[in-house]
Amino acid sequence: MRRAQKAEHIGHQLDDLYPETPIPLAHSDPYTLLVAVMLSAQTTDKKVNEVTPRLFEAAGSPEEMAALQVDEIHDIIHEIGLAPTKARNLRRMAEQILEDGGGVRPDWDFLESLAGVGHKTAGVVMAQSFGVPAFPVDTHIHRLAARWGLSDGRNVAKTEHDLKAVFPKGTWVRRHLQIIYFGRERCPALRHDLRVCPICSWAATKKRIREEMGA
């Protein structure tokens, strides 16, 4: 089965399983989504959502974040992975936004120039806050794209390129979240029986199933 045909079948299954794709990070605007996504690196969304209410109460805008000291930000987010680095990045990011005029705007170069903001984080904000077609690739998507034979990318940039090539542009935003949900709920990295998985069972090659299951 060709990649495009396989992607079409996978897309139909994902639409059936996840007709609605709410953003798992609590936020109220592009700025708070940007902060939440920055905090989510190497941290669960659940933990981020436990920390952000207090953070947004203290710094719900770039102006308020920039007014805090790094130590104050760290005290609020200390339970988050890589908290010291993220605290520094959050304050500098807020300063950069203010230097630019004060708002988070839908511009790739602008977003990726902010401290602590990489291509994936920028992609989430562009897609979810501004409706710009993007396909941010996280570890779940990178892993499942390989399992399903949709990409042979050794890095997320190649995986993103391959997925954009096989999924219609109009589906990118929801596919990104659908694959994340599927990976978390139905297709974990470890101790997963690919033979009974609703997608891996037919999308993964026999060789891939043998390799992952040690058969």
C-alpha atoms as a PDB file:
ATOM      1  CA  MET A   1       0.000   0.000   0.000  1.00  0.00           C
ATOM      2  CA  ARG A   2       1.385   3.408  -0.973  1.00  0.00           C
ATOM      3  CA  ARG A   3       1.977   6.003   1.742  1.00  0.00           C
ATOM      4  CA  ALA A   4      -0.752   8.344   0.504  1.00  0.00           C
ATOM      5  CA  GLN A   5      -3.327   5.556   0.429  1.00  0.00           C
ATOM      6  CA  LYS A   6      -2.270   4.382   3.874  1.00  0.00           C
ATOM      7  CA  ALA A   7      -2.501   7.939   5.220  1.00  0.00           C
ATOM      8  CA  GLU A   8      -6.016   8.261   3.818  1.00  0.00           C
ATOM      9  CA  HIS A   9      -7.153   5.098   5.624  1.00  0.00           C
ATOM     10  CA  ILE A  10      -5.445   6.220   8.841  1.00  0.00           C
ATOM     11  CA  GLY A  11      -7.124   9.605   8.539  1.00  0.00           C
ATOM     12  CA  HIS A  12     -10.552   8.014   8.320  1.00  0.00           C
ATOM     13  CA  GLN A  13      -9.874   5.937  11.431  1.00  0.00           C
ATOM     14  CA  LEU A  14      -8.603   8.935  13.363  1.00  0.00           C
ATOM     15  CA  ASP A  15     -11.670  10.967  12.387  1.00  0.00           C
ATOM     16  CA  ASP A  16     -13.892   8.170  13.695  1.00  0.00           C
ATOM     17  CA  LEU A  17     -11.941   7.841  16.942  1.00  0.00           C
ATOM     18  CA  TYR A  18     -11.378  11.546  17.569  1.00  0.00           C
ATOM     19  CA  PRO A  19     -14.033  13.658  15.826  1.00  0.00           C
ATOM     20  CA  GLU A  20     -13.287  16.433  18.305  1.00  0.00           C
ATOM     21  CA  THR A  21      -9.713  17.455  19.104  1.00  0.00           C
ATOM     22  CA  PRO A  22      -9.619  19.860  22.064  1.00  0.00           C
ATOM     23  CA  ILE A  23      -6.244  21.371  22.856  1.00  0.00           C
ATOM     24  CA  PRO A  24      -5.021  19.513  25.972  1.00  0.00           C
ATOM     25  CA  LEU A  25      -3.246  22.560  27.413  1.00  0.00           C
ATOM     26  CA  ALA A  26      -5.416  25.049  29.300  1.00  0.00           C
ATOM     27  CA  HIS A  27      -5.094  28.575  27.904  1.00  0.00           C
ATOM     28  CA  SER A  28      -7.159  31.641  27.078  1.00  0.00           C
ATOM     29  CA  ASP A  29      -5.283  33.399  24.270  1.00  0.00           C
ATOM     30  CA  PRO A  30      -2.198  33.047  22.020  1.00  0.00           C
ATOM     31  CA  TYR A  31       0.139  34.278  24.766  1.00  0.00           C
ATOM     32  CA  THR A  32      -1.061  31.813  27.406  1.00  0.00           C
ATOM     33  CA  LEU A  33      -0.977  28.974  24.846  1.00  0.00           C
ATOM     34  CA  LEU A  34       2.602  29.925  23.975  1.00  0.00           C
ATOM     35  CA  VAL A  35       3.577  29.810  27.655  1.00  0.00           C
ATOM     36  CA  ALA A  36       1.829  26.481  28.205  1.00  0.00           C
ATOM     37  CA  VAL A  37       3.495  24.867  25.191  1.00  0.00           C
ATOM     38  CA  MET A  38       6.902  26.162  26.320  1.00  0.00           C
ATOM     39  CA  LEU A  39       6.320  24.566  29.722  1.00  0.00           C
ATOM     40  CA  SER A  40       5.189  21.252  28.217  1.00  0.00           C
ATOM     41  CA  ALA A  41       8.621  20.205  26.949  1.00  0.00           C
ATOM     42  CA  GLN A  42       9.616  17.018  28.810  1.00  0.00           C
ATOM     43  CA  THR A  43       6.583  17.501  31.073  1.00  0.00           C
ATOM     44  CA  THR A  44       3.070  16.063  30.923  1.00  0.00           C
ATOM     45  CA  ASP A  45       0.166  18.267  29.917  1.00  0.00           C
ATOM     46  CA  LYS A  46      -1.504  17.290  33.192  1.00  0.00           C
ATOM     47  CA  LYS A  47       1.363  18.746  35.215  1.00  0.00           C
ATOM     48  CA  VAL A  48       1.438  21.894  33.080  1.00  0.00           C
ATOM     49  CA  ASN A  49      -2.291  22.400  33.647  1.00  0.00           C
ATOM     50  CA  GLU A  50      -1.731  22.063  37.394  1.00  0.00           C
ATOM     51  CA  VAL A  51       0.912  24.805  37.375  1.00  0.00           C
ATOM     52  CA  THR A  52      -0.390  27.352  34.880  1.00  0.00           C
ATOM     53  CA  PRO A  53      -3.422  28.666  36.841  1.00  0.00           C
ATOM     54  CA  ARG A  54      -1.127  30.172  39.473  1.00  0.00           C
ATOM     55  CA  LEU A  55       1.341  31.327  36.835  1.00  0.00           C
ATOM     56  CA  PHE A  56      -1.338  33.027  34.754  1.00  0.00           C
ATOM     57  CA  GLU A  57      -2.790  34.662  37.845  1.00  0.00           C
ATOM     58  CA  ALA A  58       0.606  36.258  38.449  1.00  0.00           C
ATOM     59  CA  ALA A  59       1.620  36.736  34.824  1.00  0.00           C
ATOM     60  CA  GLY A  60      -1.327  36.508  32.466  1.00  0.00           C
ATOM     61  CA  SER A  61       0.288  38.916  30.001  1.00  0.00           C
ATOM     62  CA  PRO A  62       3.778  39.623  28.661  1.00  0.00           C
ATOM     63  CA  GLU A  63       3.854  42.841  30.721  1.00  0.00           C
ATOM     64  CA  GLU A  64       3.200  40.959  33.953  1.00  0.00           C
ATOM     65  CA  MET A  65       5.671  38.181  33.110  1.00  0.00           C
ATOM     66  CA  ALA A  66       8.442  40.643  32.297  1.00  0.00           C
ATOM     67  CA  ALA A  67       7.797  42.414  35.613  1.00  0.00           C
ATOM     68  CA  LEU A  68       8.566  39.261  37.599  1.00  0.00           C
ATOM     69  CA  GLN A  69      12.031  38.182  38.622  1.00  0.00           C
ATOM     70  CA  VAL A  70      13.303  34.869  37.273  1.00  0.00           C
ATOM     71  CA  ASP A  71      13.329  33.461  40.806  1.00  0.00           C
ATOM     72  CA  GLU A  72       9.670  34.386  41.229  1.00  0.00           C
ATOM     73  CA  ILE A  73       8.742  32.589  38.018  1.00  0.00           C
ATOM     74  CA  HIS A  74      10.802  29.591  39.072  1.00  0.00           C
ATOM     75  CA  ASP A  75       9.046  29.406  42.431  1.00  0.00           C
ATOM     76  CA  ILE A  76       5.731  29.059  40.614  1.00  0.00           C
ATOM     77  CA  ILE A  77       6.839  26.492  38.013  1.00  0.00           C
ATOM     78  CA  HIS A  78       9.425  24.560  40.066  1.00  0.00           C
ATOM     79  CA  GLU A  79       7.495  21.277  39.658  1.00  0.00           C
ATOM     80  CA  ILE A  80       7.908  21.472  35.876  1.00  0.00           C
ATOM     81  CA  GLY A  81      10.828  19.710  34.207  1.00  0.00           C
ATOM     82  CA  LEU A  82      13.748  22.007  33.313  1.00  0.00           C
ATOM     83  CA  ALA A  83      12.164  24.727  35.466  1.00  0.00           C
ATOM     84  CA  PRO A  84      15.294  26.925  35.867  1.00  0.00           C
ATOM     85  CA  THR A  85      15.835  27.184  32.109  1.00  0.00           C
ATOM     86  CA  LYS A  86      12.143  27.659  31.410  1.00  0.00           C
ATOM     87  CA  ALA A  87      11.864  30.419  33.999  1.00  0.00           C
ATOM     88  CA  ARG A  88      14.680  32.353  32.315  1.00  0.00           C
ATOM     89  CA  ASN A  89      13.163  31.768  28.879  1.00  0.00           C
ATOM     90  CA  LEU A  90       9.691  32.859  29.961  1.00  0.00           C
ATOM     91  CA  ARG A  91      10.933  36.189  31.260  1.00  0.00           C
ATOM     92  CA  ARG A  92      13.128  36.842  28.225  1.00  0.00           C
ATOM     93  CA  MET A  93      10.328  35.766  25.873  1.00  0.00           C
ATOM     94  CA  ALA A  94       7.984  38.268  27.506  1.00  0.00           C
ATOM     95  CA  GLU A  95      10.592  41.016  27.157  1.00  0.00           C
ATOM     96  CA  GLN A  96      11.030  40.199  23.467  1.00  0.00           C
ATOM     97  CA  ILE A  97       7.279  40.352  22.861  1.00  0.00           C
ATOM     98  CA  LEU A  98       7.146  43.777  24.512  1.00  0.00           C
ATOM     99  CA  GLU A  99      10.113  44.952  22.458  1.00  0.00           C
ATOM    100  CA  ASP A 100       8.226  43.850  19.338  1.00  0.00           C
ATOM    101  CA  GLY A 101       5.094  45.771  20.249  1.00  0.00           C
ATOM    102  CA  GLY A 102       3.407  43.727  22.929  1.00  0.00           C
ATOM    103  CA  GLY A 103       1.446  40.964  21.214  1.00  0.00           C
ATOM    104  CA  VAL A 104       1.881  37.408  19.997  1.00  0.00           C
ATOM    105  CA  ARG A 105       1.417  37.538  16.239  1.00  0.00           C
ATOM    106  CA  PRO A 106       1.164  34.840  13.531  1.00  0.00           C
ATOM    107  CA  ASP A 107       4.660  35.117  12.119  1.00  0.00           C
ATOM    108  CA  TRP A 108       6.995  32.127  11.987  1.00  0.00           C
ATOM    109  CA  ASP A 109      10.214  34.148  12.120  1.00  0.00           C
ATOM    110  CA  PHE A 110       8.942  36.220  15.047  1.00  0.00           C
ATOM    111  CA  LEU A 111       7.792  33.220  17.071  1.00  0.00           C
ATOM    112  CA  GLU A 112      10.937  31.173  16.431  1.00  0.00           C
ATOM    113  CA  SER A 113      13.093  34.155  17.463  1.00  0.00           C
ATOM    114  CA  LEU A 114      11.636  34.094  20.986  1.00  0.00           C
ATOM    115  CA  ALA A 115      13.663  32.575  23.819  1.00  0.00           C
ATOM    116  CA  GLY A 116      12.748  28.938  24.396  1.00  0.00           C
ATOM    117  CA  VAL A 117      10.522  28.730  21.324  1.00  0.00           C
ATOM    118  CA  GLY A 118      11.430  26.188  18.666  1.00  0.00           C
ATOM    119  CA  HIS A 119       9.716  25.169  15.449  1.00  0.00           C
ATOM    120  CA  LYS A 120       7.310  22.748  17.140  1.00  0.00           C
ATOM    121  CA  THR A 121       6.152  25.273  19.742  1.00  0.00           C
ATOM    122  CA  ALA A 122       5.722  27.939  17.068  1.00  0.00           C
ATOM    123  CA  GLY A 123       3.747  25.451  14.985  1.00  0.00           C
ATOM    124  CA  VAL A 124       1.309  24.716  17.797  1.00  0.00           C
ATOM    125  CA  VAL A 125       0.626  28.425  18.309  1.00  0.00           C
ATOM    126  CA  MET A 126       0.301  29.107  14.585  1.00  0.00           C
ATOM    127  CA  ALA A 127      -2.116  26.199  14.131  1.00  0.00           C
ATOM    128  CA  GLN A 128      -4.211  26.391  17.260  1.00  0.00           C
ATOM    129  CA  SER A 129      -4.335  30.140  17.879  1.00  0.00           C
ATOM    130  CA  PHE A 130      -4.275  31.478  14.340  1.00  0.00           C
ATOM    131  CA  GLY A 131      -5.558  28.609  12.168  1.00  0.00           C
ATOM    132  CA  VAL A 132      -2.430  28.541  10.045  1.00  0.00           C
ATOM    133  CA  PRO A 133      -1.877  25.048   8.541  1.00  0.00           C
ATOM    134  CA  ALA A 134       0.994  23.463  10.459  1.00  0.00           C
ATOM    135  CA  PHE A 135       1.975  19.952  11.499  1.00  0.00           C
ATOM    136  CA  PRO A 136       3.983  20.196  14.723  1.00  0.00           C
ATOM    137  CA  VAL A 137       5.761  16.903  15.374  1.00  0.00           C
ATOM    138  CA  ASP A 138       6.277  15.710  18.937  1.00  0.00           C
ATOM    139  CA  THR A 139       7.648  12.386  20.168  1.00  0.00           C
ATOM    140  CA  HIS A 140       4.282  10.618  19.790  1.00  0.00           C
ATOM    141  CA  ILE A 141       3.867  11.727  16.185  1.00  0.00           C
ATOM    142  CA  HIS A 142       7.489  10.958  15.311  1.00  0.00           C
ATOM    143  CA  ARG A 143       7.139   7.459  16.780  1.00  0.00           C
ATOM    144  CA  LEU A 144       3.806   6.619  15.189  1.00  0.00           C
ATOM    145  CA  ALA A 145       4.758   7.961  11.761  1.00  0.00           C
ATOM    146  CA  ALA A 146       7.637   5.473  11.784  1.00  0.00           C
ATOM    147  CA  ARG A 147       5.501   2.605  13.106  1.00  0.00           C
ATOM    148  CA  TRP A 148       2.895   3.189  10.424  1.00  0.00           C
ATOM    149  CA  GLY A 149       5.426   3.501   7.619  1.00  0.00           C
ATOM    150  CA  LEU A 150       4.458   7.080   6.827  1.00  0.00           C
ATOM    151  CA  SER A 151       7.986   8.377   7.368  1.00  0.00           C
ATOM    152  CA  ASP A 152      11.507   7.039   7.570  1.00  0.00           C
ATOM    153  CA  GLY A 153      12.718  10.282   9.098  1.00  0.00           C
ATOM    154  CA  ARG A 154      15.511  10.091  11.634  1.00  0.00           C
ATOM    155  CA  ASN A 155      14.536  13.524  12.931  1.00  0.00           C
ATOM    156  CA  VAL A 156      11.311  15.456  13.450  1.00  0.00           C
ATOM    157  CA  ALA A 157      12.010  17.821  10.551  1.00  0.00           C
ATOM    158  CA  LYS A 158      12.014  14.933   8.054  1.00  0.00           C
ATOM    159  CA  THR A 159       8.961  13.375   9.695  1.00  0.00           C
ATOM    160  CA  GLU A 160       7.102  16.693   9.436  1.00  0.00           C
ATOM    161  CA  HIS A 161       8.001  16.937   5.755  1.00  0.00           C
ATOM    162  CA  ASP A 162       6.808  13.385   5.078  1.00  0.00           C
ATOM    163  CA  LEU A 163       3.505  13.802   6.937  1.00  0.00           C
ATOM    164  CA  LYS A 164       2.731  17.063   5.169  1.00  0.00           C
ATOM    165  CA  ALA A 165       3.261  15.227   1.894  1.00  0.00           C
ATOM    166  CA  VAL A 166       0.711  12.476   2.606  1.00  0.00           C
ATOM    167  CA  PHE A 167      -2.024  14.288   4.552  1.00  0.00           C
ATOM    168  CA  PRO A 168      -4.104  17.025   2.852  1.00  0.00           C
ATOM    169  CA  LYS A 169      -3.184  20.500   4.085  1.00  0.00           C
ATOM    170  CA  GLY A 170      -6.666  21.119   5.406  1.00  0.00           C
ATOM    171  CA  THR A 171      -6.331  18.191   7.828  1.00  0.00           C
ATOM    172  CA  TRP A 172      -2.922  19.025   9.315  1.00  0.00           C
ATOM    173  CA  VAL A 173      -4.159  20.847  12.408  1.00  0.00           C
ATOM    174  CA  ARG A 174      -6.561  18.128  13.529  1.00  0.00           C
ATOM    175  CA  ARG A 175      -4.290  15.234  12.446  1.00  0.00           C
ATOM    176  CA  HIS A 176      -1.547  16.621  14.674  1.00  0.00           C
ATOM    177  CA  LEU A 177      -3.784  16.380  17.749  1.00  0.00           C
ATOM    178  CA  GLN A 178      -5.491  13.136  16.691  1.00  0.00           C
ATOM    179  CA  ILE A 179      -2.175  11.309  16.393  1.00  0.00           C
ATOM    180  CA  ILE A 180      -1.059  12.657  19.774  1.00  0.00           C
ATOM    181  CA  TYR A 181      -4.282  11.440  21.395  1.00  0.00           C
ATOM    182  CA  PHE A 182      -3.960   8.056  19.683  1.00  0.00           C
ATOM    183  CA  GLY A 183      -0.355   7.678  20.790  1.00  0.00           C
ATOM    184  CA  ARG A 184      -1.170   8.500  24.396  1.00  0.00           C
ATOM    185  CA  GLU A 185      -4.331   6.451  24.696  1.00  0.00           C
ATOM    186  CA  ARG A 186      -3.968   3.511  22.315  1.00  0.00           C
ATOM    187  CA  CYS A 187      -0.426   3.212  20.975  1.00  0.00           C
ATOM    188  CA  PRO A 188       2.215   3.581  23.717  1.00  0.00           C
ATOM    189  CA  ALA A 189       5.933   3.298  23.109  1.00  0.00           C
ATOM    190  CA  LEU A 190       6.480   0.301  25.392  1.00  0.00           C
ATOM    191  CA  ARG A 191       4.663  -3.006  25.961  1.00  0.00           C
ATOM    192  CA  HIS A 192       2.320  -2.422  23.053  1.00  0.00           C
ATOM    193  CA  ASP A 193       0.937  -5.334  21.038  1.00  0.00           C
ATOM    194  CA  LEU A 194       1.056  -3.992  17.510  1.00  0.00           C
ATOM    195  CA  ARG A 195      -0.886  -7.037  16.291  1.00  0.00           C
ATOM    196  CA  VAL A 196      -4.093  -5.894  18.020  1.00  0.00           C
ATOM    197  CA  CYS A 197      -3.633  -2.129  17.656  1.00  0.00           C
ATOM    198  CA  PRO A 198      -6.442  -0.681  15.486  1.00  0.00           C
ATOM    199  CA  ILE A 199      -3.909   0.993  13.196  1.00  0.00           C
ATOM    200  CA  CYS A 200      -0.543  -0.724  13.734  1.00  0.00           C
ATOM    201  CA  SER A 201      -2.124  -4.134  13.096  1.00  0.00           C
ATOM    202  CA  TRP A 202      -2.513  -3.311   9.412  1.00  0.00           C
ATOM    203  CA  ALA A 203      -0.313  -0.243   8.834  1.00  0.00           C
ATOM    204  CA  ALA A 204       2.928  -1.556  10.357  1.00  0.00           C
ATOM    205  CA  THR A 205       5.001  -3.961   8.327  1.00  0.00           C
ATOM    206  CA  LYS A 206       5.493  -7.527   9.521  1.00  0.00           C
ATOM    207  CA  LYS A 207       9.181  -6.688   9.930  1.00  0.00           C
ATOM    208  CA  ARG A 208       8.344  -3.717  12.131  1.00  0.00           C
ATOM    209  CA  ILE A 209       5.993  -5.809  14.272  1.00  0.00           C
ATOM    210  CA  ARG A 210       8.668  -8.488  14.723  1.00  0.00           C
ATOM    211  CA  GLU A 211      11.314  -5.935  15.638  1.00  0.00           C
ATOM    212  CA  GLU A 212       9.162  -4.118  18.194  1.00  0.00           C
ATOM    213  CA  MET A 213       7.743  -7.247  19.768  1.00  0.00           C
ATOM    214  CA  GLY A 214      10.984  -9.176  19.758  1.00  0.00           C
ATOM    215  CA  ALA A 215       9.438 -11.999  17.774  1.00  0.00           C
END
